[in-house]
């Protein structure tokens, strides 16, 4: 590609509007060619001041707009399957925000549809893979200097949950990031999950089981625990410690500024994921644009999106039953084996 990559952004809400800003002002090599949102006024507000953008209320109409060469899906999760299949039908490369598809059956249909194409078109937006601290931890673990990883201790806290948030969403929305991060950091699948429920916080809405303690087992015997607390009240915190045979490594503790004044010191705590992971989102979209312009697909695959949906569904069952729950996935298509997706292109 010699010119700017024309991107259709599906969804102009909180996440979509931020990606529109990012494509227009931060990322090089791309432009916003079209935006689709059922709320046309919201879409027009999101692209205010950007020239040449086609605004539609229908996603497929945006995909068919002049100049569209790639798609960024930031619409609600329940709309992702239809949008992904429509992009595949047009041969358009895609960056799809998580969850790829909330339910495993729909996620598997996406995996199978892409497999039938015989080439990867989609990257799934697990942005922690692009965070500088997570990348350093991944490099350290892959290098083997600390020996085999035995445990991951994870913390995921939000200031407050939105009004529609349910107890299941602590697992299938919030912890979905830890699900992918654990699979990626350790290089192995999660095989079982148990969810423990401490007494709910007085700061949680009535009926919301918050916080929760989620314990995953992996195929090679490591353990991953996640404290998820979406109404902690003080800030947005994401931390991870890898405990290995010959040492440990922690990330997420120093991602802040310390202000010293008036005889005291105060640490600033991010209040939002778009603040904490701003650099990761920028890096993720830039690398997606660069790869797409070169005819390549990198990053998390549709198989990773499917695996996250399967694990999250098992986690919700474990939450509801209180029992250890096995995680069972469908056979992995050859496209998504290490050899099958090597050197994938968009040609």
Protein backbone atom coordinates (compact mmCIF):
# COMPACT_ATOMS: atom_id res chain seq x y z
CA UNK A 1 0.00 0.00 0.00
CA UNK A 2 1.40 3.37 -0.99
CA UNK A 3 -1.26 5.64 0.50
CA UNK A 4 -2.93 5.85 3.88
CA UNK A 5 -4.82 2.75 4.99
CA UNK A 6 -8.54 3.56 4.89
CA UNK A 7 -10.13 2.18 8.07
CA UNK A 8 -13.83 1.73 8.83
CA UNK A 9 -14.47 2.01 12.58
CA UNK A 10 -17.56 0.14 13.77
CA UNK A 11 -18.85 1.67 17.00
CA UNK A 12 -18.47 5.28 18.16
CA UNK A 13 -18.96 4.81 21.89
CA UNK A 14 -16.28 5.19 24.57
CA UNK A 15 -13.82 2.75 22.98
CA UNK A 16 -14.70 3.50 19.36
CA UNK A 17 -14.38 7.27 19.80
CA UNK A 18 -10.96 6.78 21.37
CA UNK A 19 -9.83 4.65 18.43
CA UNK A 20 -11.14 7.25 15.98
CA UNK A 21 -9.06 9.89 17.79
CA UNK A 22 -6.07 7.54 17.79
CA UNK A 23 -6.27 6.79 14.06
CA UNK A 24 -6.65 10.48 13.24
CA UNK A 25 -4.11 12.03 15.62
CA UNK A 26 -1.68 9.40 16.89
CA UNK A 27 -1.21 6.55 14.43
CA UNK A 28 0.71 7.04 11.20
CA UNK A 29 -0.13 5.39 7.89
CA UNK A 30 -3.90 5.28 8.32
CA UNK A 31 -6.99 7.44 8.08
CA UNK A 32 -10.59 7.10 9.21
CA UNK A 33 -12.54 6.39 6.02
CA UNK A 34 -15.91 5.47 7.53
CA UNK A 35 -17.67 5.16 10.87
CA UNK A 36 -20.78 3.16 11.71
CA UNK A 37 -22.92 3.50 14.82
CA UNK A 38 -26.67 3.06 15.35
CA UNK A 39 -26.59 6.54 16.90
CA UNK A 40 -25.75 8.71 13.89
CA UNK A 41 -25.33 11.83 16.00
CA UNK A 42 -22.81 10.10 18.25
CA UNK A 43 -20.89 8.97 15.17
CA UNK A 44 -20.86 12.50 13.73
CA UNK A 45 -19.58 13.87 17.04
CA UNK A 46 -16.79 11.30 17.08
CA UNK A 47 -15.54 12.36 13.64
CA UNK A 48 -16.05 16.09 14.04
CA UNK A 49 -13.16 17.91 12.39
CA UNK A 50 -12.01 14.89 10.37
CA UNK A 51 -12.44 15.39 6.64
CA UNK A 52 -13.78 12.83 4.20
CA UNK A 53 -15.35 10.38 6.66
CA UNK A 54 -18.49 8.51 5.60
CA UNK A 55 -20.95 8.12 8.51
CA UNK A 56 -23.45 5.25 8.46
CA UNK A 57 -25.83 3.68 10.96
CA UNK A 58 -25.35 0.22 9.40
CA UNK A 59 -22.05 -1.61 9.80
CA UNK A 60 -22.07 -3.31 6.39
CA UNK A 61 -22.80 0.00 4.69
CA UNK A 62 -19.66 1.39 6.31
CA UNK A 63 -17.63 -1.60 5.09
CA UNK A 64 -18.79 -0.86 1.55
CA UNK A 65 -17.95 2.84 1.75
CA UNK A 66 -15.38 4.20 -0.73
CA UNK A 67 -11.78 3.87 0.37
CA UNK A 68 -12.33 1.27 3.10
CA UNK A 69 -9.43 -1.21 3.15
CA UNK A 70 -9.54 -2.46 6.75
CA UNK A 71 -11.91 -2.59 9.72
CA UNK A 72 -11.59 -1.76 13.41
CA UNK A 73 -14.48 -3.24 15.39
CA UNK A 74 -15.28 -1.39 18.62
CA UNK A 75 -19.01 -2.06 18.79
CA UNK A 76 -20.66 -4.03 21.64
CA UNK A 77 -19.56 -7.67 21.82
CA UNK A 78 -22.88 -9.10 20.65
CA UNK A 79 -22.41 -7.34 17.28
CA UNK A 80 -18.91 -8.70 16.65
CA UNK A 81 -19.73 -12.02 15.01
CA UNK A 82 -21.83 -10.47 12.25
CA UNK A 83 -19.24 -7.74 11.68
CA UNK A 84 -16.32 -10.18 11.52
CA UNK A 85 -18.10 -12.46 9.06
CA UNK A 86 -19.02 -9.46 6.91
CA UNK A 87 -15.38 -8.34 6.88
CA UNK A 88 -14.23 -11.85 5.98
CA UNK A 89 -16.72 -11.96 3.11
CA UNK A 90 -15.11 -8.79 1.73
CA UNK A 91 -11.54 -9.92 2.36
CA UNK A 92 -10.94 -7.01 4.74
CA UNK A 93 -8.31 -7.28 7.49
CA UNK A 94 -9.76 -6.65 10.95
CA UNK A 95 -8.72 -5.46 14.38
CA UNK A 96 -11.55 -6.54 16.70
CA UNK A 97 -11.83 -5.39 20.28
CA UNK A 98 -12.35 -8.04 22.94
CA UNK A 99 -14.48 -9.99 23.49
CA UNK A 100 -14.14 -11.31 19.95
CA UNK A 101 -17.55 -12.95 20.37
CA UNK A 102 -18.98 -13.36 23.88
CA UNK A 103 -20.35 -16.89 23.46
CA UNK A 104 -18.05 -19.81 22.53
CA UNK A 105 -20.38 -21.17 19.84
CA UNK A 106 -20.36 -17.87 17.97
CA UNK A 107 -16.62 -17.47 18.53
CA UNK A 108 -16.03 -20.93 17.05
CA UNK A 109 -18.09 -20.00 13.98
CA UNK A 110 -15.73 -17.06 13.44
CA UNK A 111 -12.66 -19.29 13.82
CA UNK A 112 -14.09 -21.80 11.32
CA UNK A 113 -15.07 -19.07 8.85
CA UNK A 114 -11.54 -17.69 8.87
CA UNK A 115 -10.09 -21.20 8.57
CA UNK A 116 -12.17 -21.76 5.43
CA UNK A 117 -10.49 -18.70 3.91
CA UNK A 118 -7.15 -20.42 4.43
CA UNK A 119 -5.49 -17.25 5.75
CA UNK A 120 -5.68 -15.02 8.77
CA UNK A 121 -7.57 -11.75 8.44
CA UNK A 122 -8.34 -10.89 12.06
CA UNK A 123 -6.36 -9.67 15.02
CA UNK A 124 -8.14 -9.59 18.39
CA UNK A 125 -7.60 -6.59 20.64
CA UNK A 126 -5.99 -7.96 23.77
CA UNK A 127 -3.97 -4.82 24.33
CA UNK A 128 -1.93 -6.07 27.30
CA UNK A 129 0.25 -7.90 24.78
CA UNK A 130 1.36 -4.41 23.70
CA UNK A 131 2.00 -2.93 27.14
CA UNK A 132 5.72 -2.29 27.72
CA UNK A 133 5.72 -3.93 31.16
CA UNK A 134 3.87 -7.02 29.97
CA UNK A 135 6.24 -7.34 27.03
CA UNK A 136 9.26 -7.20 29.34
CA UNK A 137 7.73 -9.89 31.53
CA UNK A 138 6.98 -12.05 28.49
CA UNK A 139 10.57 -11.69 27.28
CA UNK A 140 11.92 -12.59 30.72
CA UNK A 141 9.76 -15.72 30.99
CA UNK A 142 10.53 -16.83 27.44
CA UNK A 143 14.25 -16.38 28.11
CA UNK A 144 14.12 -18.96 30.91
CA UNK A 145 16.49 -17.12 33.27
CA UNK A 146 14.11 -17.60 36.20
CA UNK A 147 13.28 -21.21 35.37
CA UNK A 148 9.79 -22.53 34.74
CA UNK A 149 6.87 -20.30 35.79
CA UNK A 150 4.96 -21.92 38.66
CA UNK A 151 2.36 -19.30 39.49
CA UNK A 152 0.92 -16.01 38.26
CA UNK A 153 -0.65 -13.69 40.84
CA UNK A 154 -2.89 -11.10 39.19
CA UNK A 155 -4.86 -8.08 40.43
CA UNK A 156 -7.57 -6.33 38.42
CA UNK A 157 -9.34 -3.42 40.13
CA UNK A 158 -11.71 -0.73 38.84
CA UNK A 159 -12.95 2.41 40.57
CA UNK A 160 -16.57 1.43 40.00
CA UNK A 161 -18.68 -0.73 37.74
CA UNK A 162 -21.19 0.63 35.22
CA UNK A 163 -24.91 0.29 36.03
CA UNK A 164 -25.45 -2.73 33.76
CA UNK A 165 -22.56 -4.77 35.24
CA UNK A 166 -23.42 -8.26 36.49
CA UNK A 167 -21.57 -10.76 38.67
CA UNK A 168 -20.84 -12.88 35.58
CA UNK A 169 -19.25 -9.90 33.85
CA UNK A 170 -16.50 -9.76 36.46
CA UNK A 171 -15.32 -12.99 34.84
CA UNK A 172 -16.33 -12.73 31.19
CA UNK A 173 -15.56 -9.03 30.78
CA UNK A 174 -12.96 -7.95 33.35
CA UNK A 175 -10.99 -11.19 33.83
CA UNK A 176 -11.00 -11.91 30.09
CA UNK A 177 -7.85 -9.77 29.89
CA UNK A 178 -6.10 -11.92 32.49
CA UNK A 179 -7.27 -15.03 30.64
CA UNK A 180 -5.48 -13.97 27.48
CA UNK A 181 -2.48 -12.55 29.31
CA UNK A 182 -1.97 -15.81 31.22
CA UNK A 183 -2.19 -17.94 28.06
CA UNK A 184 0.23 -15.60 26.27
CA UNK A 185 2.74 -15.18 29.11
CA UNK A 186 2.88 -18.89 29.92
CA UNK A 187 2.46 -20.24 26.39
CA UNK A 188 -0.04 -22.87 27.50
CA UNK A 189 -3.76 -23.41 27.71
CA UNK A 190 -5.94 -23.06 30.78
CA UNK A 191 -7.63 -26.34 31.68
CA UNK A 192 -9.79 -25.71 34.78
CA UNK A 193 -11.21 -22.82 36.78
CA UNK A 194 -12.55 -22.29 40.30
CA UNK A 195 -14.19 -19.07 41.50
CA UNK A 196 -14.24 -18.17 45.19
CA UNK A 197 -16.54 -15.46 46.50
CA UNK A 198 -15.51 -13.44 49.55
CA UNK A 199 -18.18 -11.36 51.23
CA UNK A 200 -19.28 -8.55 48.85
CA UNK A 201 -17.85 -5.11 49.38
CA UNK A 202 -20.21 -2.53 50.88
CA UNK A 203 -19.24 -0.36 47.92
CA UNK A 204 -20.67 -2.83 45.41
CA UNK A 205 -24.21 -2.38 44.07
CA UNK A 206 -26.85 -4.56 45.69
CA UNK A 207 -26.65 -8.14 44.41
CA UNK A 208 -23.25 -7.79 42.70
CA UNK A 209 -20.75 -10.43 43.82
CA UNK A 210 -17.74 -8.15 44.03
CA UNK A 211 -14.88 -8.90 44.61
CA UNK A 212 -14.14 -12.40 43.32
CA UNK A 213 -11.07 -14.65 43.44
CA UNK A 214 -10.56 -16.68 40.28
CA UNK A 215 -8.13 -19.62 40.17
CA UNK A 216 -7.02 -21.17 36.86
CA UNK A 217 -5.06 -24.36 36.30
CA UNK A 218 -2.90 -24.80 33.21
CA UNK A 219 -2.09 -27.79 31.06
CA UNK A 220 1.47 -28.05 32.41
CA UNK A 221 0.58 -27.60 36.07
CA UNK A 222 1.01 -23.87 36.71
CA UNK A 223 -1.58 -21.92 38.71
CA UNK A 224 -2.98 -18.47 37.93
CA UNK A 225 -4.98 -16.52 40.49
CA UNK A 226 -6.87 -13.31 39.81
CA UNK A 227 -8.31 -10.93 42.36
CA UNK A 228 -10.99 -8.99 40.49
CA UNK A 229 -12.57 -6.05 42.34
CA UNK A 230 -14.58 -3.69 40.15
CA UNK A 231 -15.81 -1.32 42.87
CA UNK A 232 -12.63 -0.71 44.84
CA UNK A 233 -13.37 3.03 44.87
CA UNK A 234 -9.84 4.40 44.59
CA UNK A 235 -8.47 3.71 41.14
CA UNK A 236 -7.75 1.41 38.22
CA UNK A 237 -5.03 -1.10 39.09
CA UNK A 238 -3.64 -3.99 37.08
CA UNK A 239 -0.71 -5.97 38.47
CA UNK A 240 0.90 -9.31 37.75
CA UNK A 241 3.62 -11.30 39.50
CA UNK A 242 5.22 -14.35 37.95
CA UNK A 243 6.69 -16.78 40.49
CA UNK A 244 9.24 -19.09 38.89
CA UNK A 245 11.62 -21.81 40.02
CA UNK A 246 14.56 -19.44 40.46
CA UNK A 247 12.95 -16.06 41.14
CA UNK A 248 9.94 -13.85 40.61
CA UNK A 249 9.04 -10.73 38.64
CA UNK A 250 6.31 -8.14 39.28
CA UNK A 251 4.78 -5.58 36.95
CA UNK A 252 2.15 -2.89 37.36
CA UNK A 253 3.35 -1.32 40.59
CA UNK A 254 5.39 1.58 39.24
CA UNK A 255 3.06 2.71 36.45
CA UNK A 256 2.31 6.00 38.21
CA UNK A 257 3.65 9.39 39.21
CA UNK A 258 4.59 10.30 42.78
CA UNK A 259 3.93 13.93 43.76
CA UNK A 260 5.79 15.29 46.79
CA UNK A 261 4.46 18.55 48.23
CA UNK A 262 3.34 20.20 51.47
CA UNK A 263 5.28 17.81 53.66
CA UNK A 264 3.95 14.63 52.12
CA UNK A 265 4.02 12.34 49.10
CA UNK A 266 1.08 11.20 47.00
CA UNK A 267 0.95 8.55 44.31
CA UNK A 268 -1.38 9.15 41.40
CA UNK A 269 -3.55 6.13 40.63
CA UNK A 270 -5.07 5.93 37.10
CA UNK A 271 -8.85 6.10 37.12
CA UNK A 272 -9.52 4.45 33.77
CA UNK A 273 -8.15 1.69 31.52
CA UNK A 274 -7.76 4.16 28.66
CA UNK A 275 -5.31 6.08 30.85
CA UNK A 276 -3.42 3.09 32.27
CA UNK A 277 -3.06 1.36 28.90
CA UNK A 278 -2.97 4.39 26.59
CA UNK A 279 0.52 3.53 25.30
CA UNK A 280 -0.49 -0.12 24.79
CA UNK A 281 -3.52 0.87 22.71
CA UNK A 282 -1.40 3.26 20.64
CA UNK A 283 1.23 0.58 20.04
CA UNK A 284 -1.39 -2.08 19.26
CA UNK A 285 -3.15 -0.01 16.60
CA UNK A 286 0.11 1.26 15.09
CA UNK A 287 1.48 -2.28 14.76
CA UNK A 288 -1.81 -3.45 13.27
CA UNK A 289 -1.73 -0.65 10.69
CA UNK A 290 1.91 -1.34 9.85
CA UNK A 291 1.33 -5.07 9.46
CA UNK A 292 -1.82 -4.57 7.40
CA UNK A 293 -0.05 -2.19 5.03
CA UNK A 294 2.59 -4.92 4.56
CA UNK A 295 -0.03 -7.62 3.92
CA UNK A 296 0.59 -9.37 7.25
CA UNK A 297 -1.55 -10.30 10.28
CA UNK A 298 0.05 -10.42 13.71
CA UNK A 299 -1.11 -10.33 17.34
CA UNK A 300 -3.82 -12.34 19.04
CA UNK A 301 -5.74 -14.59 16.65
CA UNK A 302 -9.37 -15.62 16.37
CA UNK A 303 -8.32 -18.83 18.14
CA UNK A 304 -7.13 -16.71 21.06
CA UNK A 305 -10.48 -14.91 21.02
CA UNK A 306 -12.33 -18.23 20.98
CA UNK A 307 -10.19 -19.67 23.80
CA UNK A 308 -10.89 -16.61 25.94
CA UNK A 309 -14.65 -17.06 25.39
CA UNK A 310 -14.49 -20.75 26.34
CA UNK A 311 -12.49 -20.05 29.49
CA UNK A 312 -14.77 -17.17 30.48
CA UNK A 313 -17.89 -19.30 30.03
CA UNK A 314 -16.37 -22.01 32.23
CA UNK A 315 -15.53 -19.32 34.76
CA UNK A 316 -19.13 -18.15 34.88
CA UNK A 317 -20.28 -21.74 35.44
CA UNK A 318 -17.74 -22.06 38.25
CA UNK A 319 -19.06 -18.83 39.78
CA UNK A 320 -22.65 -20.09 39.63
CA UNK A 321 -21.97 -23.61 40.92
CA UNK A 322 -19.06 -23.03 43.26
CA UNK A 323 -17.36 -26.07 41.74
CA UNK A 324 -14.06 -26.56 39.96
CA UNK A 325 -14.96 -26.52 36.26
CA UNK A 326 -13.04 -28.14 33.42
CA UNK A 327 -12.23 -26.06 30.34
CA UNK A 328 -12.71 -27.91 27.05
CA UNK A 329 -12.04 -26.40 23.63
CA UNK A 330 -12.79 -27.66 20.13
CA UNK A 331 -9.92 -29.02 18.02
CA UNK A 332 -7.62 -26.22 16.89
CA UNK A 333 -7.69 -25.61 13.10
CA UNK A 334 -4.40 -26.02 11.27
CA UNK A 335 -4.47 -22.30 10.44
CA UNK A 336 -3.97 -21.54 14.12
CA UNK A 337 -1.22 -24.01 14.94
CA UNK A 338 2.32 -22.59 15.26
CA UNK A 339 3.23 -23.83 11.78
CA UNK A 340 -0.12 -23.07 10.19
CA UNK A 341 -0.15 -19.30 10.81
CA UNK A 342 3.53 -18.59 10.25
CA UNK A 343 4.11 -15.83 7.71
CA UNK A 344 0.41 -15.13 7.24
CA UNK A 345 -0.32 -12.48 4.63
CA UNK A 346 -3.30 -10.63 3.28
CA UNK A 347 -2.45 -11.28 -0.35
